[in-house]
Protein backbone atom coordinates (compact mmCIF):
# COMPACT_ATOMS: atom_id res chain seq x y z
CA UNK A 1 0.00 0.00 0.00
CA UNK A 2 1.60 3.23 -1.17
CA UNK A 3 0.55 6.48 0.47
CA UNK A 4 0.81 9.50 -1.74
CA UNK A 5 -0.32 13.10 -1.64
CA UNK A 6 0.26 13.69 -5.32
CA UNK A 7 -2.42 15.82 -6.93
CA UNK A 8 -3.66 16.92 -3.50
CA UNK A 9 -4.00 20.60 -2.75
CA UNK A 10 -4.29 22.47 0.52
CA UNK A 11 -7.95 23.06 1.45
CA UNK A 12 -7.17 26.65 2.48
CA UNK A 13 -4.58 28.09 0.08
CA UNK A 14 -4.78 25.50 -2.74
CA UNK A 15 -1.01 25.08 -2.58
CA UNK A 16 0.66 21.68 -2.88
CA UNK A 17 0.91 19.39 0.13
CA UNK A 18 4.56 18.35 0.37
CA UNK A 19 4.80 15.95 3.29
CA UNK A 20 3.56 12.38 3.39
CA UNK A 21 2.75 11.01 6.85
CA UNK A 22 3.81 7.48 7.74
CA UNK A 23 0.61 6.76 9.64
CA UNK A 24 -2.75 8.40 10.11
CA UNK A 25 -4.98 10.30 7.69
CA UNK A 26 -3.57 12.15 4.74
CA UNK A 27 -3.08 15.85 5.46
CA UNK A 28 -5.72 18.36 4.38
CA UNK A 29 -3.61 21.50 4.81
CA UNK A 30 -0.07 22.32 3.73
CA UNK A 31 1.01 23.49 7.18
CA UNK A 32 -0.04 24.62 10.62
CA UNK A 33 -0.57 28.23 9.48
CA UNK A 34 -3.16 27.15 6.89
CA UNK A 35 -4.79 24.76 9.35
CA UNK A 36 -5.10 27.58 11.91
CA UNK A 37 -6.40 30.11 9.33
CA UNK A 38 -9.00 27.65 8.02
CA UNK A 39 -10.22 26.90 11.55
CA UNK A 40 -10.41 30.60 12.38
CA UNK A 41 -12.41 31.31 9.19
CA UNK A 42 -14.77 28.39 9.90
CA UNK A 43 -15.39 29.63 13.46
CA UNK A 44 -15.98 33.23 12.40
CA UNK A 45 -18.39 32.11 9.65
CA UNK A 46 -20.33 30.08 12.22
CA UNK A 47 -20.52 33.04 14.61
CA UNK A 48 -21.59 35.37 11.80
CA UNK A 49 -24.45 33.00 10.97
CA UNK A 50 -25.62 33.04 14.59
CA UNK A 51 -25.74 36.83 14.64
CA UNK A 52 -27.88 37.32 11.56
CA UNK A 53 -31.67 37.57 11.36
CA UNK A 54 -32.57 38.51 14.93
CA UNK A 55 -36.00 40.02 15.69
CA UNK A 56 -36.59 42.50 18.51
CA UNK A 57 -39.18 41.32 21.07
CA UNK A 58 -40.05 44.93 21.93
CA UNK A 59 -40.78 46.57 18.58
CA UNK A 60 -40.62 43.62 16.16
CA UNK A 61 -37.89 45.20 14.03
CA UNK A 62 -35.14 43.06 12.57
CA UNK A 63 -31.58 43.73 13.72
CA UNK A 64 -28.17 42.18 13.32
CA UNK A 65 -25.11 42.01 15.45
CA UNK A 66 -24.68 40.89 19.00
CA UNK A 67 -25.16 37.40 20.29
CA UNK A 68 -27.92 34.93 19.56
CA UNK A 69 -29.32 35.41 23.07
CA UNK A 70 -29.98 39.13 22.45
CA UNK A 71 -33.71 39.79 22.52
CA UNK A 72 -33.92 43.54 21.89
CA UNK A 73 -32.50 45.86 19.23
CA UNK A 74 -31.40 48.54 21.74
CA UNK A 75 -31.30 49.25 25.49
CA UNK A 76 -34.12 51.80 25.04
CA UNK A 77 -36.39 49.20 23.43
CA UNK A 78 -35.63 46.81 26.29
CA UNK A 79 -36.56 49.48 28.86
CA UNK A 80 -39.81 50.36 27.07
CA UNK A 81 -40.75 46.68 27.01
CA UNK A 82 -39.90 46.29 30.69
CA UNK A 83 -42.01 49.33 31.63
CA UNK A 84 -44.91 48.06 29.54
CA UNK A 85 -44.79 44.61 31.22
CA UNK A 86 -44.47 46.07 34.75
CA UNK A 87 -47.39 48.43 34.08
CA UNK A 88 -49.49 45.47 32.86
CA UNK A 89 -48.62 43.47 36.00
CA UNK A 90 -49.46 46.37 38.35
CA UNK A 91 -52.78 47.04 36.54
CA UNK A 92 -53.74 43.37 36.78
CA UNK A 93 -53.16 43.17 40.54
CA UNK A 94 -55.08 46.35 41.50
């Protein structure tokens, strides 16, 4: 069984893969710098996908940025929502 990386290109930079490992899987990247850069790009793409298409629970407007757990588009919208809910609770108890 002959292991060869001929005609294989780096998944990040498309450069040639020069080393052939004795054991284990064939390499996907040409070096540690490309492996690190590809992982960093993959992580940032995943985080960017989590941040997109958020809807404000206060006004219903769409907003982007922030973390997935964000519920409001701005601190002011959060405060207005909180005042509205506390007013509703106090009116219901009286």
